[in-house]
Amino acid sequence: MADEKPKGAGPMGDVIFILSVIGVLIVLWFAQGAHKAADVKGIFLHPPTPVGQGGSYGPTVGTTTSQQN
């Protein structure tokens, strides 16, 4: 009747939907091989150009990759 909720409705259905979307994105990321080339050249950001110099600083995390032109 009018009081019946469709299956998957409510906050738990939303959580399952969001987790499944994140899971699909992770699977696609691994399928593309991007995890092999993941490289973080500094985990902190300087303020943008009008205020600071921009760019990143801090420890380098991940593998080093060569730039391809």
Protein backbone atom coordinates (compact mmCIF):
# COMPACT_ATOMS: atom_id res chain seq x y z
CA MET A 1 0.00 0.00 0.00
CA ALA A 2 1.06 3.61 0.50
CA ASP A 3 3.16 2.76 3.57
CA GLU A 4 5.35 0.24 1.74
CA LYS A 5 8.83 1.39 0.80
CA PRO A 6 10.47 0.12 -2.37
CA LYS A 7 13.32 -2.34 -1.87
CA GLY A 8 16.63 -0.59 -1.23
CA ALA A 9 15.07 2.66 -0.11
CA GLY A 10 16.43 4.55 2.84
CA PRO A 11 19.87 5.38 4.15
CA MET A 12 21.22 1.83 3.89
CA GLY A 13 20.32 1.68 0.21
CA ASP A 14 22.17 4.97 -0.33
CA VAL A 15 25.27 3.65 1.43
CA ILE A 16 25.23 0.48 -0.65
CA PHE A 17 24.86 2.53 -3.83
CA ILE A 18 27.77 4.85 -2.98
CA LEU A 19 30.04 1.95 -1.98
CA SER A 20 29.24 0.08 -5.17
CA VAL A 21 30.04 3.15 -7.30
CA ILE A 22 33.36 3.56 -5.47
CA GLY A 23 34.03 -0.16 -5.95
CA VAL A 24 33.40 0.09 -9.69
CA LEU A 25 35.76 3.07 -9.94
CA ILE A 26 38.49 1.16 -8.08
CA VAL A 27 38.08 -1.87 -10.35
CA LEU A 28 38.32 0.36 -13.44
CA TRP A 29 41.40 2.08 -11.98
CA PHE A 30 43.14 -1.27 -11.49
CA ALA A 31 42.02 -2.54 -14.91
CA GLN A 32 43.62 0.47 -16.60
CA GLY A 33 46.92 -0.15 -14.81
CA ALA A 34 46.92 3.29 -13.21
CA HIS A 35 47.94 1.87 -9.83
CA LYS A 36 51.37 1.10 -11.31
CA ALA A 37 51.90 4.72 -12.33
CA ALA A 38 50.44 6.37 -9.21
CA ASP A 39 52.89 8.99 -7.98
CA VAL A 40 52.39 11.75 -5.48
CA LYS A 41 55.10 14.40 -5.68
CA GLY A 42 54.28 16.09 -2.42
CA ILE A 43 51.19 15.68 -0.35
CA PHE A 44 50.74 19.33 0.67
CA LEU A 45 49.77 22.25 -1.58
CA HIS A 46 51.16 25.78 -1.52
CA PRO A 47 48.63 28.60 -1.87
CA PRO A 48 47.72 29.49 -5.49
CA THR A 49 49.76 31.98 -7.50
CA PRO A 50 48.31 35.34 -6.39
CA VAL A 51 49.06 34.51 -2.75
CA GLY A 52 51.89 31.96 -2.96
CA GLN A 53 53.95 30.00 -5.43
CA GLY A 54 51.48 27.18 -6.08
CA GLY A 55 52.58 23.59 -6.55
CA SER A 56 53.11 20.92 -3.94
CA TYR A 57 55.68 20.12 -1.28
CA GLY A 58 56.39 17.43 1.24
CA PRO A 59 57.49 13.80 1.02
CA THR A 60 57.30 11.98 -2.29
CA VAL A 61 55.02 8.96 -2.09
CA GLY A 62 54.75 6.17 -4.64
CA THR A 63 56.84 5.18 -7.61
CA THR A 64 58.70 7.62 -9.77
CA THR A 65 57.55 7.87 -13.35
CA SER A 66 59.28 9.39 -16.32
CA GLN A 67 57.56 12.12 -18.26
CA GLN A 68 56.49 11.21 -21.75
CA ASN A 69 56.12 13.95 -24.34
